[in-house]
PDB file of N, CA and C in Angstrom:
ATOM      1  N   UNK A   1     137.828 133.161  65.742  1.00  0.00           N
ATOM      2  CA  UNK A   1     136.995 134.333  65.643  1.00  0.00           C
ATOM      3  C   UNK A   1     136.071 134.370  66.857  1.00  0.00           C
ATOM      4  N   UNK A   2     136.050 135.473  67.545  1.00  0.00           N
ATOM      5  CA  UNK A   2     135.249 135.646  68.739  1.00  0.00           C
ATOM      6  C   UNK A   2     133.842 136.102  68.342  1.00  0.00           C
ATOM      7  N   UNK A   3     132.804 135.485  68.989  1.00  0.00           N
ATOM      8  CA  UNK A   3     131.452 135.966  68.689  1.00  0.00           C
ATOM      9  C   UNK A   3     131.266 137.369  69.242  1.00  0.00           C
ATOM     10  N   UNK A   4     130.483 138.116  68.530  1.00  0.00           N
ATOM     11  CA  UNK A   4     130.207 139.484  68.982  1.00  0.00           C
ATOM     12  C   UNK A   4     129.276 139.436  70.179  1.00  0.00           C
ATOM     13  N   UNK A   5     129.175 140.525  70.849  1.00  0.00           N
ATOM     14  CA  UNK A   5     128.340 140.604  72.043  1.00  0.00           C
ATOM     15  C   UNK A   5     126.874 140.316  71.707  1.00  0.00           C
ATOM     16  N   UNK A   6     126.396 140.727  70.554  1.00  0.00           N
ATOM     17  CA  UNK A   6     125.004 140.494  70.144  1.00  0.00           C
ATOM     18  C   UNK A   6     124.724 139.015  69.908  1.00  0.00           C
ATOM     19  N   UNK A   7     125.699 138.310  69.327  1.00  0.00           N
ATOM     20  CA  UNK A   7     125.502 136.883  69.087  1.00  0.00           C
ATOM     21  C   UNK A   7     125.462 136.108  70.398  1.00  0.00           C
ATOM     22  N   UNK A   8     126.303 136.480  71.339  1.00  0.00           N
ATOM     23  CA  UNK A   8     126.317 135.818  72.645  1.00  0.00           C
ATOM     24  C   UNK A   8     125.011 136.070  73.373  1.00  0.00           C
ATOM     25  N   UNK A   9     124.549 137.313  73.331  1.00  0.00           N
ATOM     26  CA  UNK A   9     123.284 137.644  73.967  1.00  0.00           C
ATOM     27  C   UNK A   9     122.133 136.890  73.326  1.00  0.00           C
ATOM     28  N   UNK A  10     122.146 136.758  72.031  1.00  0.00           N
ATOM     29  CA  UNK A  10     121.078 136.047  71.334  1.00  0.00           C
ATOM     30  C   UNK A  10     121.055 134.576  71.707  1.00  0.00           C
ATOM     31  N   UNK A  11     122.220 133.968  71.765  1.00  0.00           N
ATOM     32  CA  UNK A  11     122.311 132.564  72.132  1.00  0.00           C
ATOM     33  C   UNK A  11     121.916 132.362  73.588  1.00  0.00           C
ATOM     34  N   UNK A  12     122.408 133.204  74.461  1.00  0.00           N
ATOM     35  CA  UNK A  12     122.065 133.111  75.882  1.00  0.00           C
ATOM     36  C   UNK A  12     120.572 133.370  76.088  1.00  0.00           C
ATOM     37  N   UNK A  13     120.054 134.350  75.357  1.00  0.00           N
ATOM     38  CA  UNK A  13     118.618 134.657  75.474  1.00  0.00           C
ATOM     39  C   UNK A  13     117.763 133.496  75.006  1.00  0.00           C
ATOM     40  N   UNK A  14     118.160 132.878  73.893  1.00  0.00           N
ATOM     41  CA  UNK A  14     117.399 131.738  73.372  1.00  0.00           C
ATOM     42  C   UNK A  14     117.455 130.563  74.345  1.00  0.00           C
ATOM     43  N   UNK A  15     118.644 130.332  74.904  1.00  0.00           N
ATOM     44  CA  UNK A  15     118.787 129.245  75.881  1.00  0.00           C
ATOM     45  C   UNK A  15     117.955 129.533  77.116  1.00  0.00           C
ATOM     46  N   UNK A  16     117.972 130.765  77.551  1.00  0.00           N
ATOM     47  CA  UNK A  16     117.180 131.149  78.732  1.00  0.00           C
ATOM     48  C   UNK A  16     115.686 130.967  78.463  1.00  0.00           C
ATOM     49  N   UNK A  17     115.232 131.408  77.294  1.00  0.00           N
ATOM     50  CA  UNK A  17     113.807 131.255  76.950  1.00  0.00           C
ATOM     51  C   UNK A  17     113.418 129.782  76.857  1.00  0.00           C
ATOM     52  N   UNK A  18     114.292 128.974  76.258  1.00  0.00           N
ATOM     53  CA  UNK A  18     114.002 127.543  76.135  1.00  0.00           C
ATOM     54  C   UNK A  18     113.919 126.891  77.515  1.00  0.00           C
ATOM     55  N   UNK A  19     114.848 127.232  78.407  1.00  0.00           N
ATOM     56  CA  UNK A  19     114.828 126.687  79.769  1.00  0.00           C
ATOM     57  C   UNK A  19     113.565 127.126  80.502  1.00  0.00           C
ATOM     58  N   UNK A  20     113.181 128.387  80.302  1.00  0.00           N
ATOM     59  CA  UNK A  20     111.972 128.898  80.940  1.00  0.00           C
ATOM     60  C   UNK A  20     110.737 128.158  80.433  1.00  0.00           C
ATOM     61  N   UNK A  21     110.664 127.905  79.126  1.00  0.00           N
ATOM     62  CA  UNK A  21     109.536 127.155  78.557  1.00  0.00           C
ATOM     63  C   UNK A  21     109.500 125.726  79.085  1.00  0.00           C
ATOM     64  N   UNK A  22     110.658 125.104  79.198  1.00  0.00           N
ATOM     65  CA  UNK A  22     110.705 123.736  79.732  1.00  0.00           C
ATOM     66  C   UNK A  22     110.244 123.697  81.181  1.00  0.00           C
ATOM     67  N   UNK A  23     110.618 124.698  81.970  1.00  0.00           N
ATOM     68  CA  UNK A  23     110.164 124.763  83.353  1.00  0.00           C
ATOM     69  C   UNK A  23     108.657 124.965  83.433  1.00  0.00           C
ATOM     70  N   UNK A  24     108.122 125.804  82.566  1.00  0.00           N
ATOM     71  CA  UNK A  24     106.670 126.033  82.552  1.00  0.00           C
ATOM     72  C   UNK A  24     105.942 124.745  82.154  1.00  0.00           C
ATOM     73  N   UNK A  25     106.452 124.043  81.163  1.00  0.00           N
ATOM     74  CA  UNK A  25     105.838 122.774  80.745  1.00  0.00           C
ATOM     75  C   UNK A  25     105.894 121.765  81.889  1.00  0.00           C
ATOM     76  N   UNK A  26     107.046 121.662  82.542  1.00  0.00           N
ATOM     77  CA  UNK A  26     107.180 120.751  83.674  1.00  0.00           C
ATOM     78  C   UNK A  26     106.224 121.091  84.800  1.00  0.00           C
ATOM     79  N   UNK A  27     106.080 122.386  85.078  1.00  0.00           N
ATOM     80  CA  UNK A  27     105.160 122.816  86.125  1.00  0.00           C
ATOM     81  C   UNK A  27     103.720 122.447  85.762  1.00  0.00           C
ATOM     82  N   UNK A  28     103.348 122.648  84.506  1.00  0.00           N
ATOM     83  CA  UNK A  28     101.994 122.292  84.066  1.00  0.00           C
ATOM     84  C   UNK A  28     101.742 120.801  84.211  1.00  0.00           C
ATOM     85  N   UNK A  29     102.734 119.983  83.867  1.00  0.00           N
ATOM     86  CA  UNK A  29     102.570 118.534  83.972  1.00  0.00           C
ATOM     87  C   UNK A  29     102.433 118.108  85.429  1.00  0.00           C
ATOM     88  N   UNK A  30     103.201 118.747  86.312  1.00  0.00           N
ATOM     89  CA  UNK A  30     103.087 118.427  87.738  1.00  0.00           C
ATOM     90  C   UNK A  30     101.730 118.841  88.299  1.00  0.00           C
ATOM     91  N   UNK A  31     101.224 119.988  87.851  1.00  0.00           N
ATOM     92  CA  UNK A  31      99.891 120.417  88.290  1.00  0.00           C
ATOM     93  C   UNK A  31      98.826 119.445  87.808  1.00  0.00           C
ATOM     94  N   UNK A  32      98.945 118.982  86.570  1.00  0.00           N
ATOM     95  CA  UNK A  32      97.993 117.998  86.035  1.00  0.00           C
ATOM     96  C   UNK A  32      98.060 116.704  86.829  1.00  0.00           C
ATOM     97  N   UNK A  33      99.256 116.251  87.155  1.00  0.00           N
ATOM     98  CA  UNK A  33      99.427 115.045  87.949  1.00  0.00           C
ATOM     99  C   UNK A  33      98.812 115.222  89.331  1.00  0.00           C
ATOM    100  N   UNK A  34      99.002 116.385  89.935  1.00  0.00           N
ATOM    101  CA  UNK A  34      98.438 116.670  91.247  1.00  0.00           C
ATOM    102  C   UNK A  34      96.905 116.643  91.205  1.00  0.00           C
ATOM    103  N   UNK A  35      96.328 117.246  90.201  1.00  0.00           N
ATOM    104  CA  UNK A  35      94.865 117.262  90.071  1.00  0.00           C
ATOM    105  C   UNK A  35      94.341 115.836  89.887  1.00  0.00           C
ATOM    106  N   UNK A  36      95.032 115.043  89.070  1.00  0.00           N
ATOM    107  CA  UNK A  36      94.582 113.666  88.859  1.00  0.00           C
ATOM    108  C   UNK A  36      94.726 112.828  90.120  1.00  0.00           C
ATOM    109  N   UNK A  37      95.756 113.079  90.908  1.00  0.00           N
ATOM    110  CA  UNK A  37      95.895 112.372  92.181  1.00  0.00           C
ATOM    111  C   UNK A  37      94.738 112.711  93.118  1.00  0.00           C
ATOM    112  N   UNK A  38      94.382 113.977  93.171  1.00  0.00           N
ATOM    113  CA  UNK A  38      93.263 114.385  94.022  1.00  0.00           C
ATOM    114  C   UNK A  38      91.959 113.763  93.535  1.00  0.00           C
ATOM    115  N   UNK A  39      91.728 113.775  92.222  1.00  0.00           N
ATOM    116  CA  UNK A  39      90.510 113.182  91.682  1.00  0.00           C
ATOM    117  C   UNK A  39      90.469 111.690  91.946  1.00  0.00           C
ATOM    118  N   UNK A  40      91.596 111.017  91.784  1.00  0.00           N
ATOM    119  CA  UNK A  40      91.654 109.581  92.053  1.00  0.00           C
ATOM    120  C   UNK A  40      91.380 109.268  93.507  1.00  0.00           C
ATOM    121  N   UNK A  41      91.963 110.062  94.401  1.00  0.00           N
ATOM    122  CA  UNK A  41      91.736 109.864  95.833  1.00  0.00           C
ATOM    123  C   UNK A  41      90.264 110.087  96.180  1.00  0.00           C
ATOM    124  N   UNK A  42      89.683 111.168  95.663  1.00  0.00           N
ATOM    125  CA  UNK A  42      88.279 111.463  95.943  1.00  0.00           C
ATOM    126  C   UNK A  42      87.369 110.366  95.410  1.00  0.00           C
ATOM    127  N   UNK A  43      87.669 109.877  94.210  1.00  0.00           N
ATOM    128  CA  UNK A  43      86.857 108.814  93.626  1.00  0.00           C
ATOM    129  C   UNK A  43      86.968 107.541  94.445  1.00  0.00           C
ATOM    130  N   UNK A  44      88.168 107.224  94.892  1.00  0.00           N
ATOM    131  CA  UNK A  44      88.380 106.014  95.680  1.00  0.00           C
ATOM    132  C   UNK A  44      87.652 106.095  97.019  1.00  0.00           C
ATOM    133  N   UNK A  45      87.745 107.227  97.696  1.00  0.00           N
ATOM    134  CA  UNK A  45      87.038 107.398  98.972  1.00  0.00           C
ATOM    135  C   UNK A  45      85.530 107.305  98.756  1.00  0.00           C
ATOM    136  N   UNK A  46      85.052 107.913  97.695  1.00  0.00           N
ATOM    137  CA  UNK A  46      83.622 107.875  97.393  1.00  0.00           C
ATOM    138  C   UNK A  46      83.163 106.438  97.117  1.00  0.00           C
ATOM    139  N   UNK A  47      83.927 105.720  96.310  1.00  0.00           N
ATOM    140  CA  UNK A  47      83.569 104.335  95.996  1.00  0.00           C
ATOM    141  C   UNK A  47      83.614 103.437  97.228  1.00  0.00           C
ATOM    142  N   UNK A  48      84.592 103.645  98.090  1.00  0.00           N
ATOM    143  CA  UNK A  48      84.669 102.834  99.311  1.00  0.00           C
ATOM    144  C   UNK A  48      83.470 103.112 100.210  1.00  0.00           C
ATOM    145  N   UNK A  49      83.113 104.382 100.357  1.00  0.00           N
ATOM    146  CA  UNK A  49      81.951 104.732 101.170  1.00  0.00           C
ATOM    147  C   UNK A  49      80.657 104.155 100.618  1.00  0.00           C
ATOM    148  N   UNK A  50      80.462 104.309  99.316  1.00  0.00           N
ATOM    149  CA  UNK A  50      79.254 103.751  98.706  1.00  0.00           C
ATOM    150  C   UNK A  50      79.237 102.228  98.794  1.00  0.00           C
ATOM    151  N   UNK A  51      80.382 101.620  98.593  1.00  0.00           N
ATOM    152  CA  UNK A  51      80.459 100.160  98.674  1.00  0.00           C
ATOM    153  C   UNK A  51      80.153  99.657 100.069  1.00  0.00           C
ATOM    154  N   UNK A  52      80.662 100.340 101.081  1.00  0.00           N
ATOM    155  CA  UNK A  52      80.389  99.934 102.460  1.00  0.00           C
ATOM    156  C   UNK A  52      78.907 100.092 102.795  1.00  0.00           C
ATOM    157  N   UNK A  53      78.328 101.226 102.415  1.00  0.00           N
ATOM    158  CA  UNK A  53      76.896 101.444 102.671  1.00  0.00           C
ATOM    159  C   UNK A  53      76.051 100.411 101.934  1.00  0.00           C
ATOM    160  N   UNK A  54      76.392 100.164 100.692  1.00  0.00           N
ATOM    161  CA  UNK A  54      75.656  99.168  99.920  1.00  0.00           C
ATOM    162  C   UNK A  54      75.786  97.791 100.546  1.00  0.00           C
ATOM    163  N   UNK A  55      76.993  97.445 100.976  1.00  0.00           N
ATOM    164  CA  UNK A  55      77.201  96.145 101.604  1.00  0.00           C
ATOM    165  C   UNK A  55      76.349  95.963 102.852  1.00  0.00           C
ATOM    166  N   UNK A  56      76.307  96.977 103.699  1.00  0.00           N
ATOM    167  CA  UNK A  56      75.517  96.895 104.925  1.00  0.00           C
ATOM    168  C   UNK A  56      74.026  96.767 104.600  1.00  0.00           C
ATOM    169  N   UNK A  57      73.536  97.585 103.690  1.00  0.00           N
ATOM    170  CA  UNK A  57      72.107  97.551 103.351  1.00  0.00           C
ATOM    171  C   UNK A  57      71.704  96.244 102.672  1.00  0.00           C
ATOM    172  N   UNK A  58      72.551  95.765 101.795  1.00  0.00           N
ATOM    173  CA  UNK A  58      72.250  94.486 101.129  1.00  0.00           C
ATOM    174  C   UNK A  58      72.263  93.349 102.142  1.00  0.00           C
ATOM    175  N   UNK A  59      73.206  93.366 103.053  1.00  0.00           N
ATOM    176  CA  UNK A  59      73.267  92.332 104.076  1.00  0.00           C
ATOM    177  C   UNK A  59      72.009  92.335 104.945  1.00  0.00           C
ATOM    178  N   UNK A  60      71.556  93.517 105.351  1.00  0.00           N
ATOM    179  CA  UNK A  60      70.332  93.595 106.150  1.00  0.00           C
ATOM    180  C   UNK A  60      69.112  93.098 105.362  1.00  0.00           C
ATOM    181  N   UNK A  61      69.029  93.495 104.110  1.00  0.00           N
ATOM    182  CA  UNK A  61      67.895  93.063 103.291  1.00  0.00           C
ATOM    183  C   UNK A  61      67.923  91.553 103.077  1.00  0.00           C
ATOM    184  N   UNK A  62      69.093  91.002 102.809  1.00  0.00           N
ATOM    185  CA  UNK A  62      69.180  89.559 102.600  1.00  0.00           C
ATOM    186  C   UNK A  62      68.873  88.780 103.874  1.00  0.00           C
ATOM    187  N   UNK A  63      69.297  89.308 105.011  1.00  0.00           N
ATOM    188  CA  UNK A  63      68.985  88.633 106.273  1.00  0.00           C
ATOM    189  C   UNK A  63      67.475  88.597 106.509  1.00  0.00           C
ATOM    190  N   UNK A  64      66.816  89.721 106.270  1.00  0.00           N
ATOM    191  CA  UNK A  64      65.368  89.772 106.464  1.00  0.00           C
ATOM    192  C   UNK A  64      64.659  88.857 105.469  1.00  0.00           C
ATOM    193  N   UNK A  65      65.074  88.907 104.213  1.00  0.00           N
ATOM    194  CA  UNK A  65      64.467  88.064 103.184  1.00  0.00           C
ATOM    195  C   UNK A  65      64.699  86.580 103.485  1.00  0.00           C
ATOM    196  N   UNK A  66      65.907  86.241 103.880  1.00  0.00           N
ATOM    197  CA  UNK A  66      66.226  84.851 104.178  1.00  0.00           C
ATOM    198  C   UNK A  66      65.424  84.349 105.367  1.00  0.00           C
ATOM    199  N   UNK A  67      65.348  85.140 106.418  1.00  0.00           N
ATOM    200  CA  UNK A  67      64.570  84.721 107.593  1.00  0.00           C
ATOM    201  C   UNK A  67      63.108  84.514 107.228  1.00  0.00           C
ATOM    202  N   UNK A  68      62.546  85.423 106.460  1.00  0.00           N
ATOM    203  CA  UNK A  68      61.147  85.273 106.053  1.00  0.00           C
ATOM    204  C   UNK A  68      60.925  84.050 105.180  1.00  0.00           C
ATOM    205  N   UNK A  69      61.819  83.805 104.255  1.00  0.00           N
ATOM    206  CA  UNK A  69      61.688  82.653 103.368  1.00  0.00           C
ATOM    207  C   UNK A  69      61.847  81.342 104.126  1.00  0.00           C
ATOM    208  N   UNK A  70      62.800  81.295 105.034  1.00  0.00           N
ATOM    209  CA  UNK A  70      63.009  80.065 105.803  1.00  0.00           C
ATOM    210  C   UNK A  70      61.805  79.778 106.693  1.00  0.00           C
ATOM    211  N   UNK A  71      61.284  80.795 107.334  1.00  0.00           N
ATOM    212  CA  UNK A  71      60.115  80.605 108.202  1.00  0.00           C
ATOM    213  C   UNK A  71      58.917  80.145 107.380  1.00  0.00           C
ATOM    214  N   UNK A  72      58.726  80.746 106.192  1.00  0.00           N
ATOM    215  CA  UNK A  72      57.562  80.415 105.371  1.00  0.00           C
ATOM    216  C   UNK A  72      57.661  79.006 104.775  1.00  0.00           C
ATOM    217  N   UNK A  73      58.845  78.579 104.391  1.00  0.00           N
ATOM    218  CA  UNK A  73      58.978  77.296 103.688  1.00  0.00           C
ATOM    219  C   UNK A  73      59.600  76.185 104.534  1.00  0.00           C
ATOM    220  N   UNK A  74      59.778  76.407 105.831  1.00  0.00           N
ATOM    221  CA  UNK A  74      60.419  75.407 106.685  1.00  0.00           C
ATOM    222  C   UNK A  74      59.645  74.101 106.709  1.00  0.00           C
ATOM    223  N   UNK A  75      58.329  74.182 106.689  1.00  0.00           N
ATOM    224  CA  UNK A  75      57.506  72.966 106.765  1.00  0.00           C
ATOM    225  C   UNK A  75      57.635  72.140 105.485  1.00  0.00           C
ATOM    226  N   UNK A  76      57.955  72.770 104.386  1.00  0.00           N
ATOM    227  CA  UNK A  76      58.100  72.057 103.113  1.00  0.00           C
ATOM    228  C   UNK A  76      59.351  71.184 103.132  1.00  0.00           C
ATOM    229  N   UNK A  77      60.526  71.799 103.289  1.00  0.00           N
ATOM    230  CA  UNK A  77      61.786  71.059 103.348  1.00  0.00           C
ATOM    231  C   UNK A  77      62.893  72.036 103.747  1.00  0.00           C
ATOM    232  N   UNK A  78      63.369  71.915 104.971  1.00  0.00           N
ATOM    233  CA  UNK A  78      64.409  72.834 105.435  1.00  0.00           C
ATOM    234  C   UNK A  78      65.710  72.731 104.614  1.00  0.00           C
ATOM    235  N   UNK A  79      66.100  71.537 104.251  1.00  0.00           N
ATOM    236  CA  UNK A  79      67.336  71.354 103.492  1.00  0.00           C
ATOM    237  C   UNK A  79      67.210  71.967 102.100  1.00  0.00           C
ATOM    238  N   UNK A  80      66.064  71.769 101.454  1.00  0.00           N
ATOM    239  CA  UNK A  80      65.848  72.319 100.117  1.00  0.00           C
ATOM    240  C   UNK A  80      65.872  73.848 100.153  1.00  0.00           C
ATOM    241  N   UNK A  81      65.220  74.438 101.128  1.00  0.00           N
ATOM    242  CA  UNK A  81      65.177  75.899 101.234  1.00  0.00           C
ATOM    243  C   UNK A  81      66.580  76.459 101.433  1.00  0.00           C
ATOM    244  N   UNK A  82      67.344  75.894 102.346  1.00  0.00           N
ATOM    245  CA  UNK A  82      68.691  76.393 102.615  1.00  0.00           C
ATOM    246  C   UNK A  82      69.620  76.158 101.421  1.00  0.00           C
ATOM    247  N   UNK A  83      69.459  75.044 100.708  1.00  0.00           N
ATOM    248  CA  UNK A  83      70.290  74.766  99.535  1.00  0.00           C
ATOM    249  C   UNK A  83      70.012  75.757  98.416  1.00  0.00           C
ATOM    250  N   UNK A  84      68.739  76.037  98.164  1.00  0.00           N
ATOM    251  CA  UNK A  84      68.373  76.994  97.114  1.00  0.00           C
ATOM    252  C   UNK A  84      68.901  78.384  97.460  1.00  0.00           C
ATOM    253  N   UNK A  85      68.743  78.809  98.711  1.00  0.00           N
ATOM    254  CA  UNK A  85      69.262  80.106  99.123  1.00  0.00           C
ATOM    255  C   UNK A  85      70.790  80.158  98.989  1.00  0.00           C
ATOM    256  N   UNK A  86      71.469  79.087  99.331  1.00  0.00           N
ATOM    257  CA  UNK A  86      72.923  79.024  99.182  1.00  0.00           C
ATOM    258  C   UNK A  86      73.342  79.172  97.733  1.00  0.00           C
ATOM    259  N   UNK A  87      72.628  78.507  96.831  1.00  0.00           N
ATOM    260  CA  UNK A  87      72.940  78.624  95.401  1.00  0.00           C
ATOM    261  C   UNK A  87      72.690  80.043  94.885  1.00  0.00           C
ATOM    262  N   UNK A  88      71.596  80.640  95.299  1.00  0.00           N
ATOM    263  CA  UNK A  88      71.285  82.008  94.865  1.00  0.00           C
ATOM    264  C   UNK A  88      72.355  82.975  95.350  1.00  0.00           C
ATOM    265  N   UNK A  89      72.765  82.853  96.617  1.00  0.00           N
ATOM    266  CA  UNK A  89      73.789  83.754  97.160  1.00  0.00           C
ATOM    267  C   UNK A  89      75.141  83.531  96.499  1.00  0.00           C
ATOM    268  N   UNK A  90      75.447  82.297  96.170  1.00  0.00           N
ATOM    269  CA  UNK A  90      76.702  82.009  95.470  1.00  0.00           C
ATOM    270  C   UNK A  90      76.701  82.649  94.090  1.00  0.00           C
ATOM    271  N   UNK A  91      75.592  82.547  93.377  1.00  0.00           N
ATOM    272  CA  UNK A  91      75.485  83.155  92.060  1.00  0.00           C
ATOM    273  C   UNK A  91      75.614  84.678  92.147  1.00  0.00           C
ATOM    274  N   UNK A  92      74.957  85.286  93.115  1.00  0.00           N
ATOM    275  CA  UNK A  92      75.057  86.737  93.289  1.00  0.00           C
ATOM    276  C   UNK A  92      76.484  87.167  93.656  1.00  0.00           C
ATOM    277  N   UNK A  93      77.153  86.393  94.499  1.00  0.00           N
ATOM    278  CA  UNK A  93      78.531  86.714  94.856  1.00  0.00           C
ATOM    279  C   UNK A  93      79.438  86.625  93.631  1.00  0.00           C
ATOM    280  N   UNK A  94      79.231  85.624  92.780  1.00  0.00           N
ATOM    281  CA  UNK A  94      80.040  85.472  91.566  1.00  0.00           C
ATOM    282  C   UNK A  94      79.817  86.652  90.618  1.00  0.00           C
ATOM    283  N   UNK A  95      78.574  87.049  90.417  1.00  0.00           N
ATOM    284  CA  UNK A  95      78.278  88.178  89.531  1.00  0.00           C
ATOM    285  C   UNK A  95      78.872  89.480  90.077  1.00  0.00           C
ATOM    286  N   UNK A  96      78.812  89.665  91.376  1.00  0.00           N
ATOM    287  CA  UNK A  96      79.397  90.848  91.992  1.00  0.00           C
ATOM    288  C   UNK A  96      80.914  90.848  91.823  1.00  0.00           C
ATOM    289  N   UNK A  97      81.537  89.709  92.002  1.00  0.00           N
ATOM    290  CA  UNK A  97      82.990  89.594  91.833  1.00  0.00           C
ATOM    291  C   UNK A  97      83.399  89.929  90.402  1.00  0.00           C
ATOM    292  N   UNK A  98      82.644  89.430  89.416  1.00  0.00           N
ATOM    293  CA  UNK A  98      82.950  89.738  88.014  1.00  0.00           C
ATOM    294  C   UNK A  98      82.822  91.223  87.730  1.00  0.00           C
ATOM    295  N   UNK A  99      81.795  91.845  88.283  1.00  0.00           N
ATOM    296  CA  UNK A  99      81.603  93.283  88.088  1.00  0.00           C
ATOM    297  C   UNK A  99      82.758  94.069  88.716  1.00  0.00           C
ATOM    298  N   UNK A 100      83.150  93.696  89.912  1.00  0.00           N
ATOM    299  CA  UNK A 100      84.255  94.359  90.592  1.00  0.00           C
ATOM    300  C   UNK A 100      85.561  94.168  89.831  1.00  0.00           C
ATOM    301  N   UNK A 101      85.815  92.971  89.346  1.00  0.00           N
ATOM    302  CA  UNK A 101      87.037  92.698  88.596  1.00  0.00           C
ATOM    303  C   UNK A 101      87.069  93.504  87.299  1.00  0.00           C
ATOM    304  N   UNK A 102      85.947  93.596  86.608  1.00  0.00           N
ATOM    305  CA  UNK A 102      85.881  94.387  85.380  1.00  0.00           C
ATOM    306  C   UNK A 102      86.126  95.858  85.635  1.00  0.00           C
ATOM    307  N   UNK A 103      85.557  96.356  86.699  1.00  0.00           N
ATOM    308  CA  UNK A 103      85.751  97.778  87.046  1.00  0.00           C
ATOM    309  C   UNK A 103      87.210  98.039  87.418  1.00  0.00           C
ATOM    310  N   UNK A 104      87.808  97.123  88.164  1.00  0.00           N
ATOM    311  CA  UNK A 104      89.196  97.277  88.592  1.00  0.00           C
ATOM    312  C   UNK A 104      90.140  97.263  87.392  1.00  0.00           C
ATOM    313  N   UNK A 105      89.900  96.367  86.444  1.00  0.00           N
ATOM    314  CA  UNK A 105      90.776  96.245  85.284  1.00  0.00           C
ATOM    315  C   UNK A 105      90.618  97.412  84.320  1.00  0.00           C
ATOM    316  N   UNK A 106      89.454  98.049  84.286  1.00  0.00           N
ATOM    317  CA  UNK A 106      89.243  99.153  83.354  1.00  0.00           C
ATOM    318  C   UNK A 106      89.619 100.505  83.949  1.00  0.00           C
ATOM    319  N   UNK A 107      89.981 100.538  85.231  1.00  0.00           N
ATOM    320  CA  UNK A 107      90.324 101.794  85.888  1.00  0.00           C
ATOM    321  C   UNK A 107      91.701 102.236  85.427  1.00  0.00           C
ATOM    322  N   UNK A 108      91.781 103.441  84.871  1.00  0.00           N
ATOM    323  CA  UNK A 108      93.042 103.972  84.370  1.00  0.00           C
ATOM    324  C   UNK A 108      93.411 105.222  85.162  1.00  0.00           C
ATOM    325  N   UNK A 109      94.454 105.082  85.957  1.00  0.00           N
ATOM    326  CA  UNK A 109      94.928 106.190  86.767  1.00  0.00           C
ATOM    327  C   UNK A 109      95.967 106.975  85.975  1.00  0.00           C
ATOM    328  N   UNK A 110      95.951 108.269  86.055  1.00  0.00           N
ATOM    329  CA  UNK A 110      96.873 109.182  85.374  1.00  0.00           C
ATOM    330  C   UNK A 110      96.743 109.115  83.857  1.00  0.00           C
ATOM    331  N   UNK A 111      95.584 108.794  83.352  1.00  0.00           N
ATOM    332  CA  UNK A 111      95.396 108.664  81.910  1.00  0.00           C
ATOM    333  C   UNK A 111      95.683 109.983  81.185  1.00  0.00           C
ATOM    334  N   UNK A 112      95.187 111.099  81.717  1.00  0.00           N
ATOM    335  CA  UNK A 112      95.401 112.389  81.054  1.00  0.00           C
ATOM    336  C   UNK A 112      96.874 112.793  81.101  1.00  0.00           C
ATOM    337  N   UNK A 113      97.551 112.490  82.198  1.00  0.00           N
ATOM    338  CA  UNK A 113      98.976 112.832  82.296  1.00  0.00           C
ATOM    339  C   UNK A 113      99.790 112.059  81.272  1.00  0.00           C
ATOM    340  N   UNK A 114      99.533 110.763  81.170  1.00  0.00           N
ATOM    341  CA  UNK A 114     100.274 109.956  80.207  1.00  0.00           C
ATOM    342  C   UNK A 114      99.976 110.380  78.776  1.00  0.00           C
ATOM    343  N   UNK A 115      98.710 110.712  78.514  1.00  0.00           N
ATOM    344  CA  UNK A 115      98.338 111.163  77.179  1.00  0.00           C
ATOM    345  C   UNK A 115      99.065 112.468  76.825  1.00  0.00           C
ATOM    346  N   UNK A 116      99.132 113.386  77.785  1.00  0.00           N
ATOM    347  CA  UNK A 116      99.823 114.651  77.537  1.00  0.00           C
ATOM    348  C   UNK A 116     101.317 114.428  77.345  1.00  0.00           C
ATOM    349  N   UNK A 117     101.915 113.542  78.122  1.00  0.00           N
ATOM    350  CA  UNK A 117     103.336 113.239  77.951  1.00  0.00           C
ATOM    351  C   UNK A 117     103.613 112.627  76.582  1.00  0.00           C
ATOM    352  N   UNK A 118     102.720 111.759  76.110  1.00  0.00           N
ATOM    353  CA  UNK A 118     102.886 111.179  74.768  1.00  0.00           C
ATOM    354  C   UNK A 118     102.800 112.265  73.696  1.00  0.00           C
ATOM    355  N   UNK A 119     101.869 113.207  73.861  1.00  0.00           N
ATOM    356  CA  UNK A 119     101.759 114.305  72.892  1.00  0.00           C
ATOM    357  C   UNK A 119     103.011 115.180  72.925  1.00  0.00           C
ATOM    358  N   UNK A 120     103.512 115.451  74.137  1.00  0.00           N
ATOM    359  CA  UNK A 120     104.744 116.245  74.244  1.00  0.00           C
ATOM    360  C   UNK A 120     105.908 115.538  73.563  1.00  0.00           C
ATOM    361  N   UNK A 121     106.029 114.240  73.812  1.00  0.00           N
ATOM    362  CA  UNK A 121     107.115 113.474  73.208  1.00  0.00           C
ATOM    363  C   UNK A 121     107.000 113.471  71.686  1.00  0.00           C
ATOM    364  N   UNK A 122     105.774 113.299  71.184  1.00  0.00           N
ATOM    365  CA  UNK A 122     105.563 113.290  69.733  1.00  0.00           C
ATOM    366  C   UNK A 122     105.911 114.660  69.140  1.00  0.00           C
ATOM    367  N   UNK A 123     105.530 115.725  69.821  1.00  0.00           N
ATOM    368  CA  UNK A 123     105.849 117.075  69.316  1.00  0.00           C
ATOM    369  C   UNK A 123     107.349 117.317  69.362  1.00  0.00           C
ATOM    370  N   UNK A 124     108.014 116.885  70.400  1.00  0.00           N
ATOM    371  CA  UNK A 124     109.462 117.051  70.505  1.00  0.00           C
ATOM    372  C   UNK A 124     110.173 116.224  69.448  1.00  0.00           C
ATOM    373  N   UNK A 125     109.695 115.013  69.246  1.00  0.00           N
ATOM    374  CA  UNK A 125     110.303 114.123  68.253  1.00  0.00           C
ATOM    375  C   UNK A 125     110.127 114.681  66.832  1.00  0.00           C
ATOM    376  N   UNK A 126     108.994 115.315  66.589  1.00  0.00           N
ATOM    377  CA  UNK A 126     108.707 115.890  65.277  1.00  0.00           C
ATOM    378  C   UNK A 126     109.592 117.105  65.006  1.00  0.00           C
ATOM    379  N   UNK A 127     109.869 117.890  66.067  1.00  0.00           N
ATOM    380  CA  UNK A 127     110.629 119.126  65.915  1.00  0.00           C
ATOM    381  C   UNK A 127     112.145 118.891  65.774  1.00  0.00           C
ATOM    382  N   UNK A 128     112.632 117.770  66.315  1.00  0.00           N
ATOM    383  CA  UNK A 128     114.093 117.530  66.232  1.00  0.00           C
ATOM    384  C   UNK A 128     114.437 116.928  64.892  1.00  0.00           C
ATOM    385  N   UNK A 129     115.524 117.425  64.300  1.00  0.00           N
ATOM    386  CA  UNK A 129     115.891 116.916  62.948  1.00  0.00           C
ATOM    387  C   UNK A 129     116.524 115.541  63.008  1.00  0.00           C
TER     388      UNK A 129
END
């Protein structure tokens, strides 16, 4: 039995609409990915700039503080002063490293894209018999 012209048109129309919807969904996901890439890049550039500026300023401040402390306490005990400063700087470096490691491990790139893909998959899985 041959399908009538109306049935063929209905099937072709439904297939065309479904393909069009899938293309629109794909385009939306690509746009979301593009926006997240731009945001990630901007955040990374901003963090690198702030980190570099902070590093330079902290280094200058520590140099000035260290020179003043060494000059003031040199007569007391040069070895003790330098040892205490070394311990303080080591402790600060360790705390900074822990903070950086925590920030790096908690950074989630493409989180919104993956979340949307999971929702799409769940909706598709729910709709299929």
